[in-house]
Amino acid sequence: MVTSTVSWLSHQLVVAYAADMPILLEDLDLRKAERLLCQQALSRGGSIIKAAELLGITRHALKRRMIKHRIDWPQAAAPSAREHLVTTPEPVAPIDR
Protein backbone atom coordinates (compact mmCIF):
# COMPACT_ATOMS: atom_id res chain seq x y z
CA MET A 1 0.00 0.00 0.00
CA VAL A 2 2.71 2.47 0.97
CA THR A 3 4.73 1.58 -2.11
CA SER A 4 1.80 2.24 -4.43
CA THR A 5 1.12 5.60 -2.77
CA VAL A 6 4.76 6.63 -3.06
CA SER A 7 4.97 5.56 -6.71
CA TRP A 8 1.68 7.34 -7.52
CA LEU A 9 2.85 10.46 -5.75
CA SER A 10 6.31 10.33 -7.33
CA HIS A 11 4.73 10.14 -10.79
CA GLN A 12 2.36 13.02 -10.02
CA LEU A 13 5.20 15.16 -8.68
CA VAL A 14 7.24 14.61 -11.82
CA VAL A 15 4.26 15.49 -14.04
CA ALA A 16 3.24 18.53 -11.98
CA TYR A 17 6.63 20.09 -11.51
CA ALA A 18 8.71 18.95 -14.49
CA ALA A 19 8.06 22.05 -16.59
CA ASP A 20 7.92 24.58 -13.77
CA MET A 21 10.74 23.95 -11.34
CA PRO A 22 13.28 21.39 -10.21
CA ILE A 23 12.42 19.28 -7.19
CA LEU A 24 14.92 19.73 -4.39
CA LEU A 25 15.01 16.75 -2.07
CA GLU A 26 15.74 18.85 1.01
CA ASP A 27 12.50 20.78 0.40
CA LEU A 28 10.40 17.73 -0.44
CA ASP A 29 7.70 16.70 2.01
CA LEU A 30 5.56 13.92 0.55
CA ARG A 31 2.63 14.61 2.86
CA LYS A 32 2.51 18.31 1.93
CA ALA A 33 3.03 17.52 -1.75
CA GLU A 34 0.16 15.02 -1.78
CA ARG A 35 -2.13 17.52 -0.03
CA LEU A 36 -1.15 20.27 -2.47
CA LEU A 37 -1.74 18.03 -5.50
CA CYS A 38 -5.20 17.08 -4.24
CA GLN A 39 -6.10 20.73 -3.60
CA GLN A 40 -4.86 21.83 -7.02
CA ALA A 41 -6.74 19.04 -8.78
CA LEU A 42 -9.94 19.96 -6.93
CA SER A 43 -9.54 23.61 -7.87
CA ARG A 44 -8.82 22.83 -11.52
CA GLY A 45 -11.40 20.08 -11.88
CA GLY A 46 -14.17 21.76 -9.94
CA SER A 47 -15.51 18.44 -8.66
CA ILE A 48 -14.22 15.36 -6.90
CA ILE A 49 -14.83 13.18 -9.95
CA LYS A 50 -12.95 15.52 -12.32
CA ALA A 51 -10.13 16.00 -9.79
CA ALA A 52 -9.74 12.24 -9.41
CA GLU A 53 -9.56 11.90 -13.21
CA LEU A 54 -6.85 14.58 -13.34
CA LEU A 55 -4.86 12.69 -10.71
CA GLY A 56 -5.43 9.30 -12.35
CA ILE A 57 -7.09 7.79 -9.27
CA THR A 58 -10.63 6.79 -8.33
CA ARG A 59 -12.95 9.21 -6.60
CA HIS A 60 -12.90 6.91 -3.57
CA ALA A 61 -9.10 7.11 -3.40
CA LEU A 62 -9.30 10.90 -3.63
CA LYS A 63 -11.93 11.01 -0.87
CA ARG A 64 -9.63 8.92 1.37
CA ARG A 65 -6.78 11.37 0.73
CA MET A 66 -9.09 14.32 1.42
CA ILE A 67 -10.03 12.79 4.78
CA LYS A 68 -6.37 12.00 5.53
CA HIS A 69 -5.31 15.60 4.81
CA ARG A 70 -8.50 17.18 6.20
CA ILE A 71 -9.37 18.86 2.91
CA ASP A 72 -12.89 20.28 2.91
CA TRP A 73 -14.74 20.30 -0.38
CA PRO A 74 -16.32 22.36 -1.61
CA GLN A 75 -14.34 25.01 0.15
CA ALA A 76 -16.21 27.99 1.54
CA ALA A 77 -17.65 28.81 -1.84
CA ALA A 78 -19.71 31.78 -2.83
CA PRO A 79 -23.45 31.28 -2.52
CA SER A 80 -24.82 29.17 -5.33
CA ALA A 81 -27.18 30.49 -7.97
CA ARG A 82 -29.97 28.57 -6.28
CA GLU A 83 -29.48 30.52 -3.06
CA HIS A 84 -29.76 33.78 -4.98
CA LEU A 85 -33.17 32.76 -6.28
CA VAL A 86 -34.61 32.12 -2.85
CA THR A 87 -36.39 35.20 -1.61
CA THR A 88 -38.00 35.96 1.68
CA PRO A 89 -41.73 36.45 1.28
CA GLU A 90 -43.06 39.82 2.29
CA PRO A 91 -45.21 39.78 5.41
CA VAL A 92 -48.91 39.73 4.73
CA ALA A 93 -51.15 41.99 6.79
CA PRO A 94 -53.84 40.11 8.68
CA ILE A 95 -57.38 40.51 7.42
CA ASP A 96 -59.70 42.21 9.93
CA ARG A 97 -63.24 40.88 9.86
C-alpha atoms as a PDB file:
ATOM      1  CA  MET A   1       0.000   0.000   0.000  1.00  0.00           C
ATOM      2  CA  VAL A   2       2.714   2.473   0.970  1.00  0.00           C
ATOM      3  CA  THR A   3       4.731   1.577  -2.115  1.00  0.00           C
ATOM      4  CA  SER A   4       1.795   2.237  -4.432  1.00  0.00           C
ATOM      5  CA  THR A   5       1.117   5.605  -2.768  1.00  0.00           C
ATOM      6  CA  VAL A   6       4.755   6.629  -3.061  1.00  0.00           C
ATOM      7  CA  SER A   7       4.975   5.557  -6.706  1.00  0.00           C
ATOM      8  CA  TRP A   8       1.681   7.338  -7.523  1.00  0.00           C
ATOM      9  CA  LEU A   9       2.854  10.461  -5.750  1.00  0.00           C
ATOM     10  CA  SER A  10       6.305  10.334  -7.334  1.00  0.00           C
ATOM     11  CA  HIS A  11       4.733  10.138 -10.789  1.00  0.00           C
ATOM     12  CA  GLN A  12       2.357  13.019 -10.022  1.00  0.00           C
ATOM     13  CA  LEU A  13       5.201  15.164  -8.679  1.00  0.00           C
ATOM     14  CA  VAL A  14       7.237  14.613 -11.824  1.00  0.00           C
ATOM     15  CA  VAL A  15       4.265  15.491 -14.038  1.00  0.00           C
ATOM     16  CA  ALA A  16       3.237  18.527 -11.978  1.00  0.00           C
ATOM     17  CA  TYR A  17       6.632  20.090 -11.508  1.00  0.00           C
ATOM     18  CA  ALA A  18       8.705  18.954 -14.495  1.00  0.00           C
ATOM     19  CA  ALA A  19       8.057  22.048 -16.588  1.00  0.00           C
ATOM     20  CA  ASP A  20       7.920  24.585 -13.766  1.00  0.00           C
ATOM     21  CA  MET A  21      10.736  23.946 -11.341  1.00  0.00           C
ATOM     22  CA  PRO A  22      13.277  21.393 -10.213  1.00  0.00           C
ATOM     23  CA  ILE A  23      12.419  19.283  -7.191  1.00  0.00           C
ATOM     24  CA  LEU A  24      14.918  19.731  -4.390  1.00  0.00           C
ATOM     25  CA  LEU A  25      15.015  16.748  -2.066  1.00  0.00           C
ATOM     26  CA  GLU A  26      15.742  18.850   1.011  1.00  0.00           C
ATOM     27  CA  ASP A  27      12.500  20.777   0.396  1.00  0.00           C
ATOM     28  CA  LEU A  28      10.396  17.729  -0.444  1.00  0.00           C
ATOM     29  CA  ASP A  29       7.700  16.704   2.013  1.00  0.00           C
ATOM     30  CA  LEU A  30       5.558  13.920   0.550  1.00  0.00           C
ATOM     31  CA  ARG A  31       2.626  14.613   2.859  1.00  0.00           C
ATOM     32  CA  LYS A  32       2.512  18.310   1.929  1.00  0.00           C
ATOM     33  CA  ALA A  33       3.032  17.517  -1.751  1.00  0.00           C
ATOM     34  CA  GLU A  34       0.160  15.023  -1.782  1.00  0.00           C
ATOM     35  CA  ARG A  35      -2.130  17.521  -0.034  1.00  0.00           C
ATOM     36  CA  LEU A  36      -1.154  20.274  -2.473  1.00  0.00           C
ATOM     37  CA  LEU A  37      -1.741  18.027  -5.503  1.00  0.00           C
ATOM     38  CA  CYS A  38      -5.200  17.081  -4.236  1.00  0.00           C
ATOM     39  CA  GLN A  39      -6.095  20.727  -3.596  1.00  0.00           C
ATOM     40  CA  GLN A  40      -4.857  21.826  -7.021  1.00  0.00           C
ATOM     41  CA  ALA A  41      -6.741  19.039  -8.777  1.00  0.00           C
ATOM     42  CA  LEU A  42      -9.941  19.957  -6.927  1.00  0.00           C
ATOM     43  CA  SER A  43      -9.542  23.606  -7.875  1.00  0.00           C
ATOM     44  CA  ARG A  44      -8.822  22.826 -11.519  1.00  0.00           C
ATOM     45  CA  GLY A  45     -11.399  20.076 -11.880  1.00  0.00           C
ATOM     46  CA  GLY A  46     -14.169  21.763  -9.937  1.00  0.00           C
ATOM     47  CA  SER A  47     -15.513  18.443  -8.662  1.00  0.00           C
ATOM     48  CA  ILE A  48     -14.225  15.356  -6.900  1.00  0.00           C
ATOM     49  CA  ILE A  49     -14.829  13.177  -9.954  1.00  0.00           C
ATOM     50  CA  LYS A  50     -12.948  15.516 -12.319  1.00  0.00           C
ATOM     51  CA  ALA A  51     -10.132  15.997  -9.791  1.00  0.00           C
ATOM     52  CA  ALA A  52      -9.740  12.238  -9.415  1.00  0.00           C
ATOM     53  CA  GLU A  53      -9.560  11.899 -13.205  1.00  0.00           C
ATOM     54  CA  LEU A  54      -6.849  14.580 -13.337  1.00  0.00           C
ATOM     55  CA  LEU A  55      -4.855  12.686 -10.712  1.00  0.00           C
ATOM     56  CA  GLY A  56      -5.426   9.303 -12.346  1.00  0.00           C
ATOM     57  CA  ILE A  57      -7.087   7.791  -9.270  1.00  0.00           C
ATOM     58  CA  THR A  58     -10.628   6.786  -8.333  1.00  0.00           C
ATOM     59  CA  ARG A  59     -12.948   9.215  -6.597  1.00  0.00           C
ATOM     60  CA  HIS A  60     -12.901   6.908  -3.573  1.00  0.00           C
ATOM     61  CA  ALA A  61      -9.102   7.113  -3.405  1.00  0.00           C
ATOM     62  CA  LEU A  62      -9.303  10.903  -3.631  1.00  0.00           C
ATOM     63  CA  LYS A  63     -11.934  11.007  -0.868  1.00  0.00           C
ATOM     64  CA  ARG A  64      -9.625   8.919   1.373  1.00  0.00           C
ATOM     65  CA  ARG A  65      -6.781  11.365   0.728  1.00  0.00           C
ATOM     66  CA  MET A  66      -9.093  14.316   1.417  1.00  0.00           C
ATOM     67  CA  ILE A  67     -10.029  12.786   4.785  1.00  0.00           C
ATOM     68  CA  LYS A  68      -6.367  12.002   5.525  1.00  0.00           C
ATOM     69  CA  HIS A  69      -5.310  15.597   4.806  1.00  0.00           C
ATOM     70  CA  ARG A  70      -8.498  17.179   6.196  1.00  0.00           C
ATOM     71  CA  ILE A  71      -9.374  18.856   2.906  1.00  0.00           C
ATOM     72  CA  ASP A  72     -12.888  20.275   2.910  1.00  0.00           C
ATOM     73  CA  TRP A  73     -14.740  20.298  -0.380  1.00  0.00           C
ATOM     74  CA  PRO A  74     -16.317  22.360  -1.611  1.00  0.00           C
ATOM     75  CA  GLN A  75     -14.340  25.013   0.147  1.00  0.00           C
ATOM     76  CA  ALA A  76     -16.208  27.992   1.536  1.00  0.00           C
ATOM     77  CA  ALA A  77     -17.654  28.809  -1.836  1.00  0.00           C
ATOM     78  CA  ALA A  78     -19.711  31.783  -2.831  1.00  0.00           C
ATOM     79  CA  PRO A  79     -23.454  31.279  -2.518  1.00  0.00           C
ATOM     80  CA  SER A  80     -24.815  29.172  -5.332  1.00  0.00           C
ATOM     81  CA  ALA A  81     -27.176  30.489  -7.966  1.00  0.00           C
ATOM     82  CA  ARG A  82     -29.969  28.575  -6.282  1.00  0.00           C
ATOM     83  CA  GLU A  83     -29.478  30.524  -3.057  1.00  0.00           C
ATOM     84  CA  HIS A  84     -29.758  33.782  -4.979  1.00  0.00           C
ATOM     85  CA  LEU A  85     -33.167  32.763  -6.285  1.00  0.00           C
ATOM     86  CA  VAL A  86     -34.609  32.115  -2.849  1.00  0.00           C
ATOM     87  CA  THR A  87     -36.390  35.202  -1.607  1.00  0.00           C
ATOM     88  CA  THR A  88     -37.996  35.964   1.685  1.00  0.00           C
ATOM     89  CA  PRO A  89     -41.732  36.450   1.283  1.00  0.00           C
ATOM     90  CA  GLU A  90     -43.060  39.820   2.288  1.00  0.00           C
ATOM     91  CA  PRO A  91     -45.207  39.779   5.412  1.00  0.00           C
ATOM     92  CA  VAL A  92     -48.907  39.735   4.731  1.00  0.00           C
ATOM     93  CA  ALA A  93     -51.147  41.993   6.789  1.00  0.00           C
ATOM     94  CA  PRO A  94     -53.840  40.114   8.684  1.00  0.00           C
ATOM     95  CA  ILE A  95     -57.383  40.514   7.416  1.00  0.00           C
ATOM     96  CA  ASP A  96     -59.698  42.215   9.927  1.00  0.00           C
ATOM     97  CA  ARG A  97     -63.237  40.883   9.857  1.00  0.00           C
END
